[in-house]
Amino acid sequence: RILIFPKGNNVDHLSMYLDVADSATLPYGWSRYAQFSLAVVNQIHSKYSIRK
């Protein structure tokens, strides 16, 4: 799940987090490797679109 705070999370800029669903039910010490990317698309000038 992705959590997005457009006005920030106690900061003055966008905050975005990856969250684990039902994390309270997972065993102590549980971990998971996750790989993701973020794309910002400029619909007017696609050459300014980026993916990180």
N, C-alpha and C. Protein backbone atom coordinates (compact mmCIF):
# COMPACT_ATOMS: atom_id res chain seq x y z
N ARG A 1 0.85 -1.16 0.00
CA ARG A 1 0.00 0.00 0.00
C ARG A 1 0.90 1.23 0.00
N ILE A 2 0.50 2.25 -0.73
CA ILE A 2 1.24 3.50 -0.79
C ILE A 2 0.46 4.56 -0.03
N LEU A 3 1.13 5.21 0.91
CA LEU A 3 0.53 6.31 1.66
C LEU A 3 1.10 7.61 1.11
N ILE A 4 0.23 8.54 0.75
CA ILE A 4 0.66 9.82 0.19
C ILE A 4 0.05 10.95 1.01
N PHE A 5 0.91 11.86 1.44
CA PHE A 5 0.49 13.05 2.16
C PHE A 5 0.88 14.25 1.30
N PRO A 6 -0.06 14.77 0.48
CA PRO A 6 0.26 15.85 -0.46
C PRO A 6 0.84 17.10 0.22
N LYS A 7 0.42 17.38 1.43
CA LYS A 7 0.92 18.57 2.14
C LYS A 7 1.98 18.21 3.17
N GLY A 8 2.50 17.01 3.08
CA GLY A 8 3.58 16.58 3.96
C GLY A 8 3.08 15.91 5.23
N ASN A 9 4.01 15.26 5.90
CA ASN A 9 3.77 14.60 7.17
C ASN A 9 4.69 15.28 8.19
N ASN A 10 4.23 16.41 8.71
CA ASN A 10 5.02 17.28 9.60
C ASN A 10 6.21 17.91 8.89
N VAL A 11 6.11 18.07 7.58
CA VAL A 11 7.13 18.75 6.77
C VAL A 11 6.41 19.62 5.74
N ASP A 12 7.16 20.43 5.00
CA ASP A 12 6.56 21.35 4.03
C ASP A 12 6.63 20.84 2.60
N HIS A 13 6.68 19.53 2.42
CA HIS A 13 6.73 18.97 1.07
C HIS A 13 5.99 17.63 1.06
N LEU A 14 5.74 17.12 -0.13
CA LEU A 14 5.05 15.84 -0.31
C LEU A 14 5.77 14.74 0.45
N SER A 15 5.02 13.90 1.15
CA SER A 15 5.57 12.72 1.81
C SER A 15 4.90 11.49 1.23
N MET A 16 5.69 10.46 0.94
CA MET A 16 5.17 9.23 0.35
C MET A 16 5.85 8.04 1.01
N TYR A 17 5.06 7.03 1.39
CA TYR A 17 5.58 5.87 2.10
C TYR A 17 5.03 4.58 1.50
N LEU A 18 5.83 3.53 1.54
CA LEU A 18 5.35 2.18 1.28
C LEU A 18 4.96 1.59 2.62
N ASP A 19 3.77 1.03 2.71
CA ASP A 19 3.27 0.49 3.97
C ASP A 19 2.97 -0.99 3.80
N VAL A 20 3.19 -1.76 4.85
CA VAL A 20 2.87 -3.19 4.83
C VAL A 20 1.47 -3.37 5.40
N ALA A 21 0.60 -3.97 4.61
CA ALA A 21 -0.77 -4.22 5.07
C ALA A 21 -0.76 -5.23 6.21
N ASP A 22 -1.59 -5.03 7.21
CA ASP A 22 -1.73 -5.94 8.35
C ASP A 22 -0.41 -6.19 9.06
N SER A 23 0.42 -5.17 9.19
CA SER A 23 1.75 -5.35 9.80
C SER A 23 1.67 -5.78 11.26
N ALA A 24 0.59 -5.45 11.96
CA ALA A 24 0.45 -5.81 13.37
C ALA A 24 0.33 -7.32 13.56
N THR A 25 -0.08 -8.05 12.52
CA THR A 25 -0.26 -9.50 12.65
C THR A 25 0.97 -10.29 12.22
N LEU A 26 2.02 -9.62 11.78
CA LEU A 26 3.22 -10.32 11.33
C LEU A 26 4.11 -10.68 12.51
N PRO A 27 4.87 -11.78 12.40
CA PRO A 27 5.74 -12.19 13.51
C PRO A 27 6.86 -11.18 13.76
N TYR A 28 7.36 -11.15 15.00
CA TYR A 28 8.45 -10.26 15.38
C TYR A 28 9.67 -10.54 14.50
N GLY A 29 10.30 -9.49 14.00
CA GLY A 29 11.49 -9.65 13.18
C GLY A 29 11.20 -9.89 11.71
N TRP A 30 9.94 -9.92 11.34
CA TRP A 30 9.55 -10.16 9.95
C TRP A 30 10.13 -9.06 9.07
N SER A 31 10.55 -9.43 7.88
CA SER A 31 11.03 -8.43 6.93
C SER A 31 10.71 -8.89 5.51
N ARG A 32 10.75 -7.93 4.60
CA ARG A 32 10.49 -8.22 3.19
C ARG A 32 11.30 -7.25 2.36
N TYR A 33 11.90 -7.75 1.30
CA TYR A 33 12.62 -6.90 0.36
C TYR A 33 11.64 -6.44 -0.70
N ALA A 34 11.56 -5.17 -0.95
CA ALA A 34 10.66 -4.64 -1.98
C ALA A 34 11.45 -3.71 -2.89
N GLN A 35 11.24 -3.86 -4.17
CA GLN A 35 11.86 -2.97 -5.14
C GLN A 35 10.74 -2.25 -5.87
N PHE A 36 10.85 -0.94 -5.98
CA PHE A 36 9.82 -0.17 -6.65
C PHE A 36 10.45 1.01 -7.35
N SER A 37 9.69 1.62 -8.22
CA SER A 37 10.16 2.84 -8.88
C SER A 37 9.02 3.86 -8.87
N LEU A 38 9.41 5.10 -9.00
CA LEU A 38 8.45 6.20 -9.00
C LEU A 38 8.61 6.94 -10.32
N ALA A 39 7.51 7.19 -10.99
CA ALA A 39 7.54 7.94 -12.25
C ALA A 39 6.76 9.24 -12.08
N VAL A 40 7.35 10.32 -12.56
CA VAL A 40 6.67 11.61 -12.64
C VAL A 40 6.54 11.94 -14.12
N VAL A 41 5.30 12.03 -14.58
CA VAL A 41 5.03 12.18 -16.01
C VAL A 41 4.64 13.62 -16.31
N ASN A 42 5.36 14.23 -17.23
CA ASN A 42 5.01 15.56 -17.74
C ASN A 42 4.19 15.32 -19.00
N GLN A 43 2.88 15.57 -18.93
CA GLN A 43 1.99 15.27 -20.05
C GLN A 43 2.13 16.26 -21.20
N ILE A 44 2.75 17.39 -20.96
CA ILE A 44 2.94 18.39 -22.02
C ILE A 44 4.24 18.15 -22.76
N HIS A 45 5.34 17.93 -22.02
CA HIS A 45 6.66 17.69 -22.63
C HIS A 45 7.20 16.38 -22.07
N SER A 46 6.98 15.29 -22.76
CA SER A 46 7.37 13.97 -22.24
C SER A 46 8.86 13.84 -21.98
N LYS A 47 9.69 14.66 -22.63
CA LYS A 47 11.13 14.57 -22.39
C LYS A 47 11.50 14.97 -20.96
N TYR A 48 10.59 15.63 -20.26
CA TYR A 48 10.83 16.02 -18.87
C TYR A 48 10.25 15.01 -17.88
N SER A 49 9.67 13.93 -18.36
CA SER A 49 9.19 12.87 -17.48
C SER A 49 10.40 12.12 -16.92
N ILE A 50 10.29 11.67 -15.67
CA ILE A 50 11.40 10.95 -15.05
C ILE A 50 10.91 9.71 -14.32
N ARG A 51 11.80 8.76 -14.15
CA ARG A 51 11.53 7.55 -13.36
C ARG A 51 12.75 7.30 -12.50
N LYS A 52 12.52 7.10 -11.23
CA LYS A 52 13.63 6.84 -10.29
C LYS A 52 13.36 5.55 -9.56
